[in-house]
Amino acid sequence: MAKAAKTVTIEQYSSAIRRPAAQKKVLAGLGLARIGNKATLVDTPETRGMIAKVAHMVRVVGE
């Protein structure tokens, strides 16, 4: 039996306007584009690192 991968759900609560281009690219990589958007991603160290880079714009809704 395959083990189900853990997931993390994040929500964007702040705008990417007036943010560095690198942070906008991280948001796009996470699948977020607008305030209120939610994305469910596989919980990996890479994903957690991306979330940490834009922690001031996103919040973890569910794990």
PDB file of N, CA and C in Angstrom:
ATOM      1  N   MET A   1       0.824  -1.180   0.000  1.00  0.00           N
ATOM      2  CA  MET A   1       0.000   0.000   0.000  1.00  0.00           C
ATOM      3  C   MET A   1       0.868   1.243   0.000  1.00  0.00           C
ATOM      4  N   ALA A   2       0.513   2.175  -0.847  1.00  0.00           N
ATOM      5  CA  ALA A   2       1.255   3.439  -0.899  1.00  0.00           C
ATOM      6  C   ALA A   2       0.799   4.349   0.230  1.00  0.00           C
ATOM      7  N   LYS A   3       1.765   4.991   0.836  1.00  0.00           N
ATOM      8  CA  LYS A   3       1.465   5.908   1.923  1.00  0.00           C
ATOM      9  C   LYS A   3       0.992   7.240   1.333  1.00  0.00           C
ATOM     10  N   ALA A   4      -0.105   7.775   1.845  1.00  0.00           N
ATOM     11  CA  ALA A   4      -0.625   9.045   1.348  1.00  0.00           C
ATOM     12  C   ALA A   4       0.313  10.184   1.736  1.00  0.00           C
ATOM     13  N   ALA A   5       0.590  11.040   0.787  1.00  0.00           N
ATOM     14  CA  ALA A   5       1.484  12.172   1.037  1.00  0.00           C
ATOM     15  C   ALA A   5       0.764  13.214   1.888  1.00  0.00           C
ATOM     16  N   LYS A   6       1.492  13.802   2.823  1.00  0.00           N
ATOM     17  CA  LYS A   6       0.923  14.863   3.643  1.00  0.00           C
ATOM     18  C   LYS A   6       0.769  16.111   2.786  1.00  0.00           C
ATOM     19  N   THR A   7      -0.259  16.873   3.070  1.00  0.00           N
ATOM     20  CA  THR A   7      -0.483  18.102   2.328  1.00  0.00           C
ATOM     21  C   THR A   7      -0.579  19.286   3.274  1.00  0.00           C
ATOM     22  N   VAL A   8      -0.383  20.459   2.713  1.00  0.00           N
ATOM     23  CA  VAL A   8      -0.516  21.700   3.460  1.00  0.00           C
ATOM     24  C   VAL A   8      -1.350  22.645   2.596  1.00  0.00           C
ATOM     25  N   THR A   9      -2.296  23.327   3.205  1.00  0.00           N
ATOM     26  CA  THR A   9      -3.137  24.288   2.501  1.00  0.00           C
ATOM     27  C   THR A   9      -2.742  25.686   2.950  1.00  0.00           C
ATOM     28  N   ILE A  10      -2.477  26.539   1.970  1.00  0.00           N
ATOM     29  CA  ILE A  10      -2.079  27.908   2.277  1.00  0.00           C
ATOM     30  C   ILE A  10      -3.047  28.880   1.609  1.00  0.00           C
ATOM     31  N   GLU A  11      -3.134  30.078   2.178  1.00  0.00           N
ATOM     32  CA  GLU A  11      -4.007  31.121   1.653  1.00  0.00           C
ATOM     33  C   GLU A  11      -3.215  32.423   1.567  1.00  0.00           C
ATOM     34  N   GLN A  12      -3.377  33.134   0.471  1.00  0.00           N
ATOM     35  CA  GLN A  12      -2.729  34.432   0.320  1.00  0.00           C
ATOM     36  C   GLN A  12      -3.627  35.487   0.944  1.00  0.00           C
ATOM     37  N   TYR A  13      -3.081  36.290   1.863  1.00  0.00           N
ATOM     38  CA  TYR A  13      -3.887  37.317   2.518  1.00  0.00           C
ATOM     39  C   TYR A  13      -3.339  38.719   2.297  1.00  0.00           C
ATOM     40  N   SER A  14      -2.233  38.851   1.572  1.00  0.00           N
ATOM     41  CA  SER A  14      -1.638  40.150   1.319  1.00  0.00           C
ATOM     42  C   SER A  14      -1.259  40.229  -0.153  1.00  0.00           C
ATOM     43  N   SER A  15      -1.253  41.446  -0.675  1.00  0.00           N
ATOM     44  CA  SER A  15      -0.979  41.668  -2.087  1.00  0.00           C
ATOM     45  C   SER A  15       0.511  41.556  -2.404  1.00  0.00           C
ATOM     46  N   ALA A  16       0.803  41.198  -3.651  1.00  0.00           N
ATOM     47  CA  ALA A  16       2.187  41.119  -4.125  1.00  0.00           C
ATOM     48  C   ALA A  16       2.632  42.434  -4.769  1.00  0.00           C
ATOM     49  N   ILE A  17       1.769  43.424  -4.757  1.00  0.00           N
ATOM     50  CA  ILE A  17       2.127  44.733  -5.317  1.00  0.00           C
ATOM     51  C   ILE A  17       3.226  45.348  -4.450  1.00  0.00           C
ATOM     52  N   ARG A  18       4.198  45.970  -5.090  1.00  0.00           N
ATOM     53  CA  ARG A  18       5.355  46.602  -4.435  1.00  0.00           C
ATOM     54  C   ARG A  18       6.228  45.591  -3.696  1.00  0.00           C
ATOM     55  N   ARG A  19       6.272  44.375  -4.185  1.00  0.00           N
ATOM     56  CA  ARG A  19       7.148  43.335  -3.639  1.00  0.00           C
ATOM     57  C   ARG A  19       8.214  43.012  -4.679  1.00  0.00           C
ATOM     58  N   PRO A  20       9.361  42.507  -4.258  1.00  0.00           N
ATOM     59  CA  PRO A  20      10.403  42.130  -5.223  1.00  0.00           C
ATOM     60  C   PRO A  20       9.922  41.043  -6.181  1.00  0.00           C
ATOM     61  N   ALA A  21      10.504  41.047  -7.358  1.00  0.00           N
ATOM     62  CA  ALA A  21      10.114  40.082  -8.387  1.00  0.00           C
ATOM     63  C   ALA A  21      10.302  38.645  -7.908  1.00  0.00           C
ATOM     64  N   ALA A  22      11.325  38.404  -7.099  1.00  0.00           N
ATOM     65  CA  ALA A  22      11.576  37.043  -6.603  1.00  0.00           C
ATOM     66  C   ALA A  22      10.403  36.552  -5.759  1.00  0.00           C
ATOM     67  N   GLN A  23       9.818  37.434  -4.941  1.00  0.00           N
ATOM     68  CA  GLN A  23       8.682  37.035  -4.112  1.00  0.00           C
ATOM     69  C   GLN A  23       7.443  36.779  -4.966  1.00  0.00           C
ATOM     70  N   LYS A  24       7.273  37.546  -6.034  1.00  0.00           N
ATOM     71  CA  LYS A  24       6.148  37.317  -6.945  1.00  0.00           C
ATOM     72  C   LYS A  24       6.285  35.952  -7.625  1.00  0.00           C
ATOM     73  N   LYS A  25       7.526  35.587  -7.970  1.00  0.00           N
ATOM     74  CA  LYS A  25       7.764  34.292  -8.597  1.00  0.00           C
ATOM     75  C   LYS A  25       7.501  33.148  -7.623  1.00  0.00           C
ATOM     76  N   VAL A  26       7.830  33.342  -6.361  1.00  0.00           N
ATOM     77  CA  VAL A  26       7.563  32.316  -5.346  1.00  0.00           C
ATOM     78  C   VAL A  26       6.063  32.119  -5.205  1.00  0.00           C
ATOM     79  N   LEU A  27       5.310  33.216  -5.164  1.00  0.00           N
ATOM     80  CA  LEU A  27       3.854  33.102  -5.075  1.00  0.00           C
ATOM     81  C   LEU A  27       3.292  32.352  -6.277  1.00  0.00           C
ATOM     82  N   ALA A  28       3.790  32.671  -7.466  1.00  0.00           N
ATOM     83  CA  ALA A  28       3.337  31.976  -8.672  1.00  0.00           C
ATOM     84  C   ALA A  28       3.696  30.495  -8.593  1.00  0.00           C
ATOM     85  N   GLY A  29       4.865  30.186  -8.078  1.00  0.00           N
ATOM     86  CA  GLY A  29       5.282  28.790  -7.927  1.00  0.00           C
ATOM     87  C   GLY A  29       4.414  28.030  -6.948  1.00  0.00           C
ATOM     88  N   LEU A  30       3.892  28.736  -5.960  1.00  0.00           N
ATOM     89  CA  LEU A  30       2.984  28.113  -4.995  1.00  0.00           C
ATOM     90  C   LEU A  30       1.569  28.003  -5.548  1.00  0.00           C
ATOM     91  N   GLY A  31       1.307  28.636  -6.678  1.00  0.00           N
ATOM     92  CA  GLY A  31      -0.021  28.577  -7.280  1.00  0.00           C
ATOM     93  C   GLY A  31      -0.956  29.660  -6.776  1.00  0.00           C
ATOM     94  N   LEU A  32      -0.392  30.752  -6.278  1.00  0.00           N
ATOM     95  CA  LEU A  32      -1.196  31.848  -5.757  1.00  0.00           C
ATOM     96  C   LEU A  32      -1.041  33.068  -6.651  1.00  0.00           C
ATOM     97  N   ALA A  33      -2.134  33.823  -6.827  1.00  0.00           N
ATOM     98  CA  ALA A  33      -2.062  35.000  -7.678  1.00  0.00           C
ATOM     99  C   ALA A  33      -2.785  36.200  -7.073  1.00  0.00           C
ATOM    100  N   ARG A  34      -3.805  35.952  -6.265  1.00  0.00           N
ATOM    101  CA  ARG A  34      -4.607  37.046  -5.724  1.00  0.00           C
ATOM    102  C   ARG A  34      -4.902  36.819  -4.249  1.00  0.00           C
ATOM    103  N   ILE A  35      -5.278  37.895  -3.581  1.00  0.00           N
ATOM    104  CA  ILE A  35      -5.676  37.802  -2.184  1.00  0.00           C
ATOM    105  C   ILE A  35      -6.897  36.885  -2.100  1.00  0.00           C
ATOM    106  N   GLY A  36      -6.885  35.978  -1.150  1.00  0.00           N
ATOM    107  CA  GLY A  36      -7.993  35.050  -0.959  1.00  0.00           C
ATOM    108  C   GLY A  36      -7.817  33.714  -1.654  1.00  0.00           C
ATOM    109  N   ASN A  37      -6.859  33.611  -2.564  1.00  0.00           N
ATOM    110  CA  ASN A  37      -6.605  32.338  -3.235  1.00  0.00           C
ATOM    111  C   ASN A  37      -6.053  31.327  -2.244  1.00  0.00           C
ATOM    112  N   LYS A  38      -6.443  30.069  -2.425  1.00  0.00           N
ATOM    113  CA  LYS A  38      -5.935  28.983  -1.600  1.00  0.00           C
ATOM    114  C   LYS A  38      -5.291  27.947  -2.503  1.00  0.00           C
ATOM    115  N   ALA A  39      -4.285  27.287  -1.976  1.00  0.00           N
ATOM    116  CA  ALA A  39      -3.595  26.231  -2.714  1.00  0.00           C
ATOM    117  C   ALA A  39      -3.284  25.088  -1.755  1.00  0.00           C
ATOM    118  N   THR A  40      -3.484  23.871  -2.230  1.00  0.00           N
ATOM    119  CA  THR A  40      -3.135  22.682  -1.459  1.00  0.00           C
ATOM    120  C   THR A  40      -1.927  22.041  -2.126  1.00  0.00           C
ATOM    121  N   LEU A  41      -0.853  21.917  -1.366  1.00  0.00           N
ATOM    122  CA  LEU A  41       0.415  21.421  -1.893  1.00  0.00           C
ATOM    123  C   LEU A  41       0.921  20.262  -1.055  1.00  0.00           C
ATOM    124  N   VAL A  42       1.802  19.464  -1.644  1.00  0.00           N
ATOM    125  CA  VAL A  42       2.456  18.379  -0.914  1.00  0.00           C
ATOM    126  C   VAL A  42       3.418  19.017   0.087  1.00  0.00           C
ATOM    127  N   ASP A  43       3.386  18.534   1.312  1.00  0.00           N
ATOM    128  CA  ASP A  43       4.196  19.100   2.395  1.00  0.00           C
ATOM    129  C   ASP A  43       5.613  18.540   2.333  1.00  0.00           C
ATOM    130  N   THR A  44       6.506  19.280   1.667  1.00  0.00           N
ATOM    131  CA  THR A  44       7.912  18.898   1.555  1.00  0.00           C
ATOM    132  C   THR A  44       8.775  20.023   2.109  1.00  0.00           C
ATOM    133  N   PRO A  45      10.040  19.761   2.385  1.00  0.00           N
ATOM    134  CA  PRO A  45      10.927  20.838   2.841  1.00  0.00           C
ATOM    135  C   PRO A  45      11.033  21.984   1.824  1.00  0.00           C
ATOM    136  N   GLU A  46      10.974  21.656   0.541  1.00  0.00           N
ATOM    137  CA  GLU A  46      11.040  22.685  -0.495  1.00  0.00           C
ATOM    138  C   GLU A  46       9.821  23.602  -0.429  1.00  0.00           C
ATOM    139  N   THR A  47       8.646  23.012  -0.257  1.00  0.00           N
ATOM    140  CA  THR A  47       7.420  23.795  -0.149  1.00  0.00           C
ATOM    141  C   THR A  47       7.446  24.653   1.102  1.00  0.00           C
ATOM    142  N   ARG A  48       7.889  24.113   2.210  1.00  0.00           N
ATOM    143  CA  ARG A  48       7.971  24.881   3.458  1.00  0.00           C
ATOM    144  C   ARG A  48       8.958  26.041   3.315  1.00  0.00           C
ATOM    145  N   GLY A  49      10.036  25.834   2.567  1.00  0.00           N
ATOM    146  CA  GLY A  49      10.991  26.906   2.336  1.00  0.00           C
ATOM    147  C   GLY A  49      10.386  28.037   1.516  1.00  0.00           C
ATOM    148  N   MET A  50       9.587  27.675   0.514  1.00  0.00           N
ATOM    149  CA  MET A  50       8.913  28.690  -0.287  1.00  0.00           C
ATOM    150  C   MET A  50       7.912  29.468   0.561  1.00  0.00           C
ATOM    151  N   ILE A  51       7.197  28.762   1.420  1.00  0.00           N
ATOM    152  CA  ILE A  51       6.236  29.425   2.305  1.00  0.00           C
ATOM    153  C   ILE A  51       6.966  30.378   3.244  1.00  0.00           C
ATOM    154  N   ALA A  52       8.115  29.980   3.732  1.00  0.00           N
ATOM    155  CA  ALA A  52       8.885  30.823   4.641  1.00  0.00           C
ATOM    156  C   ALA A  52       9.362  32.106   3.959  1.00  0.00           C
ATOM    157  N   LYS A  53       9.662  32.034   2.663  1.00  0.00           N
ATOM    158  CA  LYS A  53      10.124  33.222   1.939  1.00  0.00           C
ATOM    159  C   LYS A  53       9.035  34.272   1.790  1.00  0.00           C
ATOM    160  N   VAL A  54       7.772  33.854   1.776  1.00  0.00           N
ATOM    161  CA  VAL A  54       6.661  34.808   1.616  1.00  0.00           C
ATOM    162  C   VAL A  54       5.688  34.702   2.792  1.00  0.00           C
ATOM    163  N   ALA A  55       6.222  34.408   3.964  1.00  0.00           N
ATOM    164  CA  ALA A  55       5.382  34.213   5.151  1.00  0.00           C
ATOM    165  C   ALA A  55       4.587  35.463   5.521  1.00  0.00           C
ATOM    166  N   HIS A  56       5.069  36.623   5.100  1.00  0.00           N
ATOM    167  CA  HIS A  56       4.370  37.866   5.392  1.00  0.00           C
ATOM    168  C   HIS A  56       3.168  38.086   4.471  1.00  0.00           C
ATOM    169  N   MET A  57       2.990  37.208   3.468  1.00  0.00           N
ATOM    170  CA  MET A  57       1.863  37.342   2.532  1.00  0.00           C
ATOM    171  C   MET A  57       0.917  36.144   2.538  1.00  0.00           C
ATOM    172  N   VAL A  58       1.341  35.033   3.148  1.00  0.00           N
ATOM    173  CA  VAL A  58       0.505  33.836   3.152  1.00  0.00           C
ATOM    174  C   VAL A  58       0.356  33.304   4.570  1.00  0.00           C
ATOM    175  N   ARG A  59      -0.690  32.521   4.759  1.00  0.00           N
ATOM    176  CA  ARG A  59      -0.871  31.837   6.046  1.00  0.00           C
ATOM    177  C   ARG A  59      -1.228  30.382   5.777  1.00  0.00           C
ATOM    178  N   VAL A  60      -0.808  29.524   6.674  1.00  0.00           N
ATOM    179  CA  VAL A  60      -1.134  28.110   6.580  1.00  0.00           C
ATOM    180  C   VAL A  60      -2.525  27.914   7.160  1.00  0.00           C
ATOM    181  N   VAL A  61      -3.433  27.407   6.330  1.00  0.00           N
ATOM    182  CA  VAL A  61      -4.818  27.208   6.751  1.00  0.00           C
ATOM    183  C   VAL A  61      -5.015  25.828   7.343  1.00  0.00           C
ATOM    184  N   GLY A  62      -4.437  24.822   6.718  1.00  0.00           N
ATOM    185  CA  GLY A  62      -4.594  23.453   7.195  1.00  0.00           C
ATOM    186  C   GLY A  62      -3.383  22.621   6.856  1.00  0.00           C
ATOM    187  N   GLU A  63      -3.169  21.595   7.677  1.00  0.00           N
ATOM    188  CA  GLU A  63      -2.037  20.702   7.443  1.00  0.00           C
ATOM    189  C   GLU A  63      -2.526  19.287   7.321  1.00  0.00           C
TER     190      GLU A  63
END
